[in-house]
Structures are given as C-alpha cells and as structure tokens.
Amino acid sequence: MTRPATLSDPLAADPSRAALHRLRTEVAKAVVGQDGVVTGMIIALLCQGHVLLEGVPGVAKTLLVRTLGAALDLSTRRVQFTPDLMPGDVTGSMIFDARTAAFTFREGPVFTNLLLADEINRTPPKTQSALLEVMEERQVTIEGEQHPLPDPFIVAATQNPVEYEGTYPLPEAQLDRFLLKLTVPLPGREEELGVLRAHHAGFDPRDLAAAGVRPVADATDLAVARAAVGRIHVAEPLFGYVVDLCRATRATPALELGASPRGATALLGTAKAWAWLAGRGHVVPDDVKAMARPTLRHRLRLRPEAELEGVGVDAVLDTVLATVPTPR
C-alpha cells in the first residue's frame, strides 16, 4: 500500500487533512521509510479501527507506533504481552481499598487513546480474549458494571511472522476485529543506510523528544476528519463492487474462509478514508483496490493444500481483484 497522492481538489485545503498529512513528516523524524505503513495507521485513525502490524524483528514496528503516539496529542500506553500476562493486567481489576473498606475498580492500560499491544501472539488465549470486548464494544465490563474507554480508542498490535515457538496464534474471531493487517517490510538499501546514519549521528529511539517529534494533530482534528470521511460519496456501483470482491473470496477454491460482511463494511470504510486523504469527495474503484489487501488479508484462511503449494493470501487477493469486473 502506498500513500495517496495529494490532489489539487479544493478539499485538499481542509485543515484536519493537512494535520494528518503532517503526521508523516513527524513520524519520518524517527522512522526511516515505511510510508505505506504510516498511511495505513492514519487510515485506521480515520476509521477508528484497530491495526495488526506484522514484520520480522528489528523493522521498527514498536518504534513506529510509539512515534505516531508522540506525534498525536493523545494518551498512549504500551503493554508487553507475555505468557504470564493475566486479563486483569490489561483491562483492570477490582481491588480492596483499606481506607474505604470497599472494592474499587482500578483501570488497566486499555484506558488510553492508543494502546500498543506488543507481541500480542505471545500471550495465551485467555488474555487475548480479554481484548475482544475492548476492541469491539470499546468498554470493559467488571462485575456487571460497564466502564467506557476514551474516545478515540485504537489498538495497534504487533506480531512476528517467523517465530512460532511459544506463541498463540490469534483466533479468526479476534483477527476479524482488526480493521487492517499491515505488513512491515525490510527497508531498502538507501533506507537502511539512512537508519545507520541516524544512529551514528546520535539518534536514540528511546528519546523521541530529542529527535524533534512533536504533537501535530489532536482528538479534535481526528473527530473533524472522521466526520468528513463519513460524508464521502459512494456511487451505487461501488457498493456492488465491494460486495462482489468479498463474495468472490468465499467462492475461491484456495480459501476455506472468505471475507465476512464485516470485512465488506471495513473495506468500504477504508476506501472512503483513502479517498478523503487523497483530497476527493467520492470513492473510485482504485480506492477500493488500494485498500483491499490490508483490509481483507487477515480475514481469509487458506486451505491446507494451497499452503503446501506455496500460495499466499495476497496472491489470492490479486487474482480476485483481477477477475472481478471493475465498475466504470
């Protein structure tokens, strides 16, 4: 996924759009390259959806989320998922207050705007499931009492695709709650040289303030932007195109699980956000195509025989995009 081009449309003068475009510049002060992943994170902010970041160790997944949090005037917390992490360590729990002789609720780290769930597949299903209500309902229920989370609330989870020992793969029900799955690639040669030069010059990834990262957007910018995305026009043929793409995944022989209706609504939402970022007031088929892979890849499951043949989910999506007729 690449960043949308800034068009000469009058919509491009929107201050909230300009603020979100500035996020790229701020993130680039600490993270070299990964422009497509940053764009995906901004799409998630616009749709108020959750993101699963997958990449080998050392490609700056955690640094990217931390830098994005530093560039937003929002609260950010990080949880390192480990095998001994308990659900209450994430959501919060009831504790006894000796001063009042009563139990009170102590909020967990999920009570924030941007939650970094680092190495989410390293914690057992019991703790992973604690995030199901949090991600879908944006609330925590303890002893029958509901505790709403702040607005906005986004989970950015990371996982390693090559190290499976001691991990617990996320179930389909939880994967479907992520709006996007973004693949964080290894940097190109010039980008990797830029990383070395930055560290040689004294860059410290633990000190983002010293790198010059400052908040350039806040909750108001996001609220205005989300409202603008909601007003993006979608022509009737585009609704049919999104549905036909998702239905085609359900009929593909290489897949035993295709995209759900939730996947279709997610694809429509991300396409609208992509169009808005590009400065347009309407969705075109290329917007849908640009967001199809990151929005749908984690919602699909390959048949075992397809995996043995080396078929990948993205390759299946490429075939679907090439065969489903594009509306004119």
Foldseek 3Di string as FASTA:
>chain_A
DAAFAADPFPLSVDPLLVLLVCLLVLLCLAAFDPRVVSNVVSLCLLVLFAEEEEEAPPLCLVLSLVSSVQQEPWWEDEDEAAQPDAQCQAAWAWDQDPVVRDTDTDGHRQQIQEYEYEAVQLYDPRNVVSCLCCLPVQWHAYPNDIGHHDPRHYYYYYHYPPDDPNTHDDDLSSLLRGQFYHYRYHDDPVSVVVVVVCVVVPDDSVCSVVSVRHHSYYSVSSVVSSVLLVQQDEDPVVLVLLVQLQVVQCVDPFWPFTADVSLSVSLVSSLSSSCSSNSDSYGAQVSSVVCVCGRTQSNIHGDPVCVVVVDGSVNVSVVSVVPRDGDD
